[in-house]
Amino acid sequence: GQEQHLKRMEERMMDVEQKLRLVKRLLQDKVNQLKEQLSRNTKADAMVKDLYVENAQLLKALEMTEQRQKTAERKNYLLEEKIANLNRIVKNLASPSFNS
């Protein structure tokens, strides 16, 4: 009876050891997966930071371009006003000469 009991206990121990090895293997696989995921996340985080910086630079460049466009539009408007005034002057100068 006692030998049989010892044999059953030994079998259970071997079964438990086998299950522990399996769990250890599964946990190691999970650790490896999480390490890979952490590595990918770290790379993605760096890319996001780079994109954030690039976006800020692009926004600044866009602001500067919009400012230049407004300045160009103002200058264009002033030039059109000058052209209109010059045309009026030329027309006024030309009118008396046709009348004479």
N, C-alpha and C. Protein backbone atom coordinates (compact mmCIF):
# COMPACT_ATOMS: atom_id res chain seq x y z
N GLY A 1 0.82 -1.20 0.00
CA GLY A 1 0.00 0.00 0.00
C GLY A 1 0.86 1.26 0.00
N GLN A 2 1.91 1.20 0.84
CA GLN A 2 2.72 2.41 0.95
C GLN A 2 3.55 2.63 -0.31
N GLU A 3 4.06 1.53 -0.90
CA GLU A 3 4.82 1.67 -2.14
C GLU A 3 3.95 2.18 -3.27
N GLN A 4 2.73 1.68 -3.30
CA GLN A 4 1.80 2.13 -4.33
C GLN A 4 1.51 3.62 -4.13
N HIS A 5 1.33 4.00 -2.88
CA HIS A 5 1.07 5.41 -2.55
C HIS A 5 2.26 6.27 -2.96
N LEU A 6 3.48 5.79 -2.69
CA LEU A 6 4.68 6.53 -3.07
C LEU A 6 4.80 6.65 -4.60
N LYS A 7 4.44 5.53 -5.28
CA LYS A 7 4.49 5.53 -6.74
C LYS A 7 3.51 6.55 -7.32
N ARG A 8 2.27 6.60 -6.74
CA ARG A 8 1.28 7.59 -7.20
C ARG A 8 1.78 9.01 -6.95
N MET A 9 2.37 9.23 -5.78
CA MET A 9 2.90 10.55 -5.43
C MET A 9 4.02 10.94 -6.41
N GLU A 10 4.87 9.95 -6.74
CA GLU A 10 5.96 10.20 -7.67
C GLU A 10 5.41 10.56 -9.05
N GLU A 11 4.37 9.84 -9.50
CA GLU A 11 3.75 10.12 -10.79
C GLU A 11 3.14 11.52 -10.79
N ARG A 12 2.47 11.86 -9.69
CA ARG A 12 1.86 13.19 -9.60
C ARG A 12 2.94 14.28 -9.62
N MET A 13 4.06 14.01 -8.94
CA MET A 13 5.17 14.97 -8.92
C MET A 13 5.71 15.18 -10.33
N MET A 14 5.88 14.05 -11.07
CA MET A 14 6.38 14.15 -12.43
C MET A 14 5.40 14.92 -13.31
N ASP A 15 4.11 14.66 -13.10
CA ASP A 15 3.07 15.37 -13.85
C ASP A 15 3.12 16.87 -13.54
N VAL A 16 3.25 17.19 -12.26
CA VAL A 16 3.32 18.60 -11.86
C VAL A 16 4.58 19.25 -12.44
N GLU A 17 5.71 18.55 -12.40
CA GLU A 17 6.95 19.09 -12.96
C GLU A 17 6.80 19.35 -14.46
N GLN A 18 6.14 18.40 -15.14
CA GLN A 18 5.94 18.56 -16.58
C GLN A 18 5.06 19.78 -16.85
N LYS A 19 3.99 19.93 -16.06
CA LYS A 19 3.10 21.08 -16.23
C LYS A 19 3.85 22.38 -15.91
N LEU A 20 4.70 22.37 -14.92
CA LEU A 20 5.49 23.55 -14.57
C LEU A 20 6.43 23.94 -15.70
N ARG A 21 7.07 22.91 -16.33
CA ARG A 21 7.95 23.19 -17.46
C ARG A 21 7.16 23.82 -18.62
N LEU A 22 5.97 23.29 -18.83
CA LEU A 22 5.11 23.84 -19.89
C LEU A 22 4.74 25.29 -19.58
N VAL A 23 4.34 25.54 -18.35
CA VAL A 23 3.98 26.91 -17.95
C VAL A 23 5.19 27.83 -18.08
N LYS A 24 6.36 27.34 -17.68
CA LYS A 24 7.58 28.14 -17.78
C LYS A 24 7.88 28.48 -19.24
N ARG A 25 7.70 27.50 -20.13
CA ARG A 25 7.91 27.73 -21.56
C ARG A 25 6.92 28.76 -22.09
N LEU A 26 5.64 28.61 -21.68
CA LEU A 26 4.62 29.56 -22.13
C LEU A 26 4.91 30.97 -21.61
N LEU A 27 5.34 31.06 -20.36
CA LEU A 27 5.68 32.36 -19.79
C LEU A 27 6.88 32.98 -20.50
N GLN A 28 7.86 32.16 -20.83
CA GLN A 28 9.03 32.67 -21.56
C GLN A 28 8.63 33.18 -22.93
N ASP A 29 7.72 32.44 -23.61
CA ASP A 29 7.21 32.89 -24.91
C ASP A 29 6.53 34.24 -24.76
N LYS A 30 5.73 34.36 -23.71
CA LYS A 30 5.01 35.61 -23.47
C LYS A 30 5.99 36.74 -23.19
N VAL A 31 7.03 36.48 -22.40
CA VAL A 31 8.05 37.48 -22.11
C VAL A 31 8.71 37.93 -23.41
N ASN A 32 9.03 36.97 -24.28
CA ASN A 32 9.66 37.30 -25.56
C ASN A 32 8.73 38.16 -26.42
N GLN A 33 7.44 37.81 -26.44
CA GLN A 33 6.46 38.60 -27.19
C GLN A 33 6.40 40.02 -26.65
N LEU A 34 6.37 40.15 -25.33
CA LEU A 34 6.27 41.48 -24.73
C LEU A 34 7.53 42.30 -24.98
N LYS A 35 8.69 41.63 -24.99
CA LYS A 35 9.93 42.35 -25.30
C LYS A 35 9.90 42.88 -26.73
N GLU A 36 9.43 42.04 -27.66
CA GLU A 36 9.32 42.47 -29.05
C GLU A 36 8.35 43.63 -29.18
N GLN A 37 7.22 43.51 -28.48
CA GLN A 37 6.21 44.58 -28.52
C GLN A 37 6.78 45.88 -27.95
N LEU A 38 7.53 45.77 -26.87
CA LEU A 38 8.15 46.95 -26.27
C LEU A 38 9.12 47.60 -27.26
N SER A 39 9.88 46.77 -27.94
CA SER A 39 10.82 47.28 -28.93
C SER A 39 10.07 48.01 -30.05
N ARG A 40 8.99 47.39 -30.55
CA ARG A 40 8.19 48.04 -31.60
C ARG A 40 7.58 49.34 -31.08
N ASN A 41 7.07 49.32 -29.86
CA ASN A 41 6.45 50.51 -29.29
C ASN A 41 7.47 51.63 -29.11
N THR A 42 8.69 51.26 -28.72
CA THR A 42 9.75 52.26 -28.55
C THR A 42 10.07 52.91 -29.90
N LYS A 43 10.17 52.08 -30.95
CA LYS A 43 10.43 52.62 -32.29
C LYS A 43 9.28 53.50 -32.73
N ALA A 44 8.05 53.04 -32.50
CA ALA A 44 6.87 53.83 -32.90
C ALA A 44 6.84 55.15 -32.14
N ASP A 45 7.20 55.11 -30.86
CA ASP A 45 7.22 56.33 -30.05
C ASP A 45 8.23 57.32 -30.61
N ALA A 46 9.40 56.83 -30.99
CA ALA A 46 10.42 57.70 -31.58
C ALA A 46 9.92 58.29 -32.90
N MET A 47 9.23 57.47 -33.70
CA MET A 47 8.69 57.97 -34.96
C MET A 47 7.63 59.04 -34.71
N VAL A 48 6.78 58.82 -33.71
CA VAL A 48 5.74 59.80 -33.39
C VAL A 48 6.39 61.13 -32.97
N LYS A 49 7.44 61.04 -32.15
CA LYS A 49 8.14 62.26 -31.73
C LYS A 49 8.75 62.97 -32.94
N ASP A 50 9.36 62.20 -33.85
CA ASP A 50 9.94 62.79 -35.06
C ASP A 50 8.85 63.47 -35.90
N LEU A 51 7.71 62.79 -36.03
CA LEU A 51 6.60 63.37 -36.80
C LEU A 51 6.06 64.62 -36.14
N TYR A 52 6.02 64.61 -34.81
CA TYR A 52 5.55 65.79 -34.07
C TYR A 52 6.46 66.99 -34.35
N VAL A 53 7.78 66.75 -34.31
CA VAL A 53 8.74 67.82 -34.59
C VAL A 53 8.60 68.28 -36.03
N GLU A 54 8.51 67.32 -36.95
CA GLU A 54 8.38 67.67 -38.37
C GLU A 54 7.09 68.46 -38.60
N ASN A 55 6.01 68.06 -37.95
CA ASN A 55 4.73 68.76 -38.08
C ASN A 55 4.86 70.20 -37.59
N ALA A 56 5.53 70.38 -36.46
CA ALA A 56 5.73 71.73 -35.93
C ALA A 56 6.53 72.59 -36.93
N GLN A 57 7.55 71.99 -37.53
CA GLN A 57 8.35 72.72 -38.52
C GLN A 57 7.51 73.07 -39.75
N LEU A 58 6.68 72.13 -40.18
CA LEU A 58 5.83 72.39 -41.35
C LEU A 58 4.80 73.48 -41.04
N LEU A 59 4.25 73.46 -39.82
CA LEU A 59 3.29 74.50 -39.45
C LEU A 59 3.95 75.87 -39.44
N LYS A 60 5.18 75.95 -38.94
CA LYS A 60 5.92 77.21 -38.93
C LYS A 60 6.17 77.67 -40.36
N ALA A 61 6.58 76.74 -41.22
CA ALA A 61 6.83 77.08 -42.62
C ALA A 61 5.53 77.55 -43.29
N LEU A 62 4.42 76.90 -42.96
CA LEU A 62 3.12 77.30 -43.52
C LEU A 62 2.75 78.71 -43.05
N GLU A 63 2.96 79.00 -41.76
CA GLU A 63 2.69 80.34 -41.24
C GLU A 63 3.51 81.39 -41.99
N MET A 64 4.79 81.09 -42.18
CA MET A 64 5.66 82.03 -42.88
C MET A 64 5.20 82.23 -44.33
N THR A 65 4.81 81.13 -44.97
CA THR A 65 4.33 81.21 -46.36
C THR A 65 3.05 82.03 -46.44
N GLU A 66 2.14 81.79 -45.49
CA GLU A 66 0.89 82.56 -45.48
C GLU A 66 1.17 84.04 -45.25
N GLN A 67 2.13 84.34 -44.37
CA GLN A 67 2.50 85.73 -44.11
C GLN A 67 3.07 86.37 -45.36
N ARG A 68 3.94 85.62 -46.07
CA ARG A 68 4.51 86.14 -47.33
C ARG A 68 3.41 86.37 -48.37
N GLN A 69 2.43 85.44 -48.40
CA GLN A 69 1.34 85.59 -49.36
C GLN A 69 0.53 86.85 -49.05
N LYS A 70 0.24 87.09 -47.77
CA LYS A 70 -0.50 88.30 -47.39
C LYS A 70 0.28 89.55 -47.77
N THR A 71 1.59 89.52 -47.51
CA THR A 71 2.43 90.66 -47.87
C THR A 71 2.41 90.87 -49.39
N ALA A 72 2.52 89.79 -50.15
CA ALA A 72 2.50 89.88 -51.61
C ALA A 72 1.15 90.41 -52.09
N GLU A 73 0.07 89.95 -51.46
CA GLU A 73 -1.27 90.43 -51.85
C GLU A 73 -1.41 91.93 -51.56
N ARG A 74 -0.88 92.38 -50.40
CA ARG A 74 -0.92 93.81 -50.08
C ARG A 74 -0.13 94.62 -51.11
N LYS A 75 1.08 94.13 -51.43
CA LYS A 75 1.91 94.83 -52.42
C LYS A 75 1.22 94.86 -53.79
N ASN A 76 0.61 93.73 -54.13
CA ASN A 76 -0.10 93.64 -55.40
C ASN A 76 -1.26 94.64 -55.45
N TYR A 77 -1.99 94.72 -54.34
CA TYR A 77 -3.11 95.67 -54.26
C TYR A 77 -2.61 97.10 -54.43
N LEU A 78 -1.49 97.45 -53.72
CA LEU A 78 -0.92 98.80 -53.83
C LEU A 78 -0.45 99.08 -55.25
N LEU A 79 0.17 98.08 -55.90
CA LEU A 79 0.61 98.26 -57.28
C LEU A 79 -0.58 98.47 -58.22
N GLU A 80 -1.66 97.72 -58.00
CA GLU A 80 -2.86 97.90 -58.83
C GLU A 80 -3.44 99.30 -58.64
N GLU A 81 -3.40 99.79 -57.37
CA GLU A 81 -3.87 101.16 -57.11
C GLU A 81 -3.00 102.17 -57.86
N LYS A 82 -1.68 101.97 -57.81
CA LYS A 82 -0.76 102.88 -58.50
C LYS A 82 -0.99 102.85 -60.01
N ILE A 83 -1.22 101.63 -60.53
CA ILE A 83 -1.48 101.49 -61.98
C ILE A 83 -2.75 102.23 -62.34
N ALA A 84 -3.79 102.06 -61.52
CA ALA A 84 -5.06 102.75 -61.78
C ALA A 84 -4.86 104.26 -61.74
N ASN A 85 -4.11 104.73 -60.75
CA ASN A 85 -3.84 106.17 -60.66
C ASN A 85 -3.04 106.68 -61.85
N LEU A 86 -2.01 105.90 -62.26
CA LEU A 86 -1.22 106.29 -63.43
C LEU A 86 -2.08 106.31 -64.69
N ASN A 87 -2.97 105.33 -64.81
CA ASN A 87 -3.87 105.30 -65.98
C ASN A 87 -4.76 106.54 -66.00
N ARG A 88 -5.24 106.94 -64.82
CA ARG A 88 -6.07 108.15 -64.73
C ARG A 88 -5.26 109.38 -65.14
N ILE A 89 -4.01 109.45 -64.65
CA ILE A 89 -3.15 110.59 -64.98
C ILE A 89 -2.89 110.63 -66.48
N VAL A 90 -2.55 109.47 -67.06
CA VAL A 90 -2.30 109.40 -68.51
C VAL A 90 -3.55 109.81 -69.28
N LYS A 91 -4.70 109.34 -68.82
CA LYS A 91 -5.97 109.66 -69.50
C LYS A 91 -6.22 111.16 -69.41
N ASN A 92 -5.99 111.73 -68.21
CA ASN A 92 -6.20 113.17 -68.04
C ASN A 92 -5.21 113.98 -68.87
N LEU A 93 -3.97 113.49 -68.97
CA LEU A 93 -2.98 114.19 -69.78
C LEU A 93 -3.30 114.08 -71.27
N ALA A 94 -3.82 112.94 -71.65
CA ALA A 94 -4.12 112.70 -73.06
C ALA A 94 -5.39 113.44 -73.48
N SER A 95 -6.33 113.62 -72.59
CA SER A 95 -7.61 114.27 -72.95
C SER A 95 -7.42 115.69 -73.48
N PRO A 96 -6.70 116.58 -72.82
CA PRO A 96 -6.56 117.94 -73.37
C PRO A 96 -5.85 117.99 -74.72
N SER A 97 -4.94 117.08 -74.96
CA SER A 97 -4.22 117.10 -76.23
C SER A 97 -5.14 116.71 -77.36
N PHE A 98 -6.14 115.85 -77.08
CA PHE A 98 -7.10 115.50 -78.14
C PHE A 98 -8.08 116.63 -78.35
N ASN A 99 -8.36 117.35 -77.31
CA ASN A 99 -9.32 118.46 -77.40
C ASN A 99 -8.72 119.67 -78.11
N SER A 100 -7.39 119.82 -78.10
CA SER A 100 -6.79 121.03 -78.69
C SER A 100 -6.83 121.01 -80.19
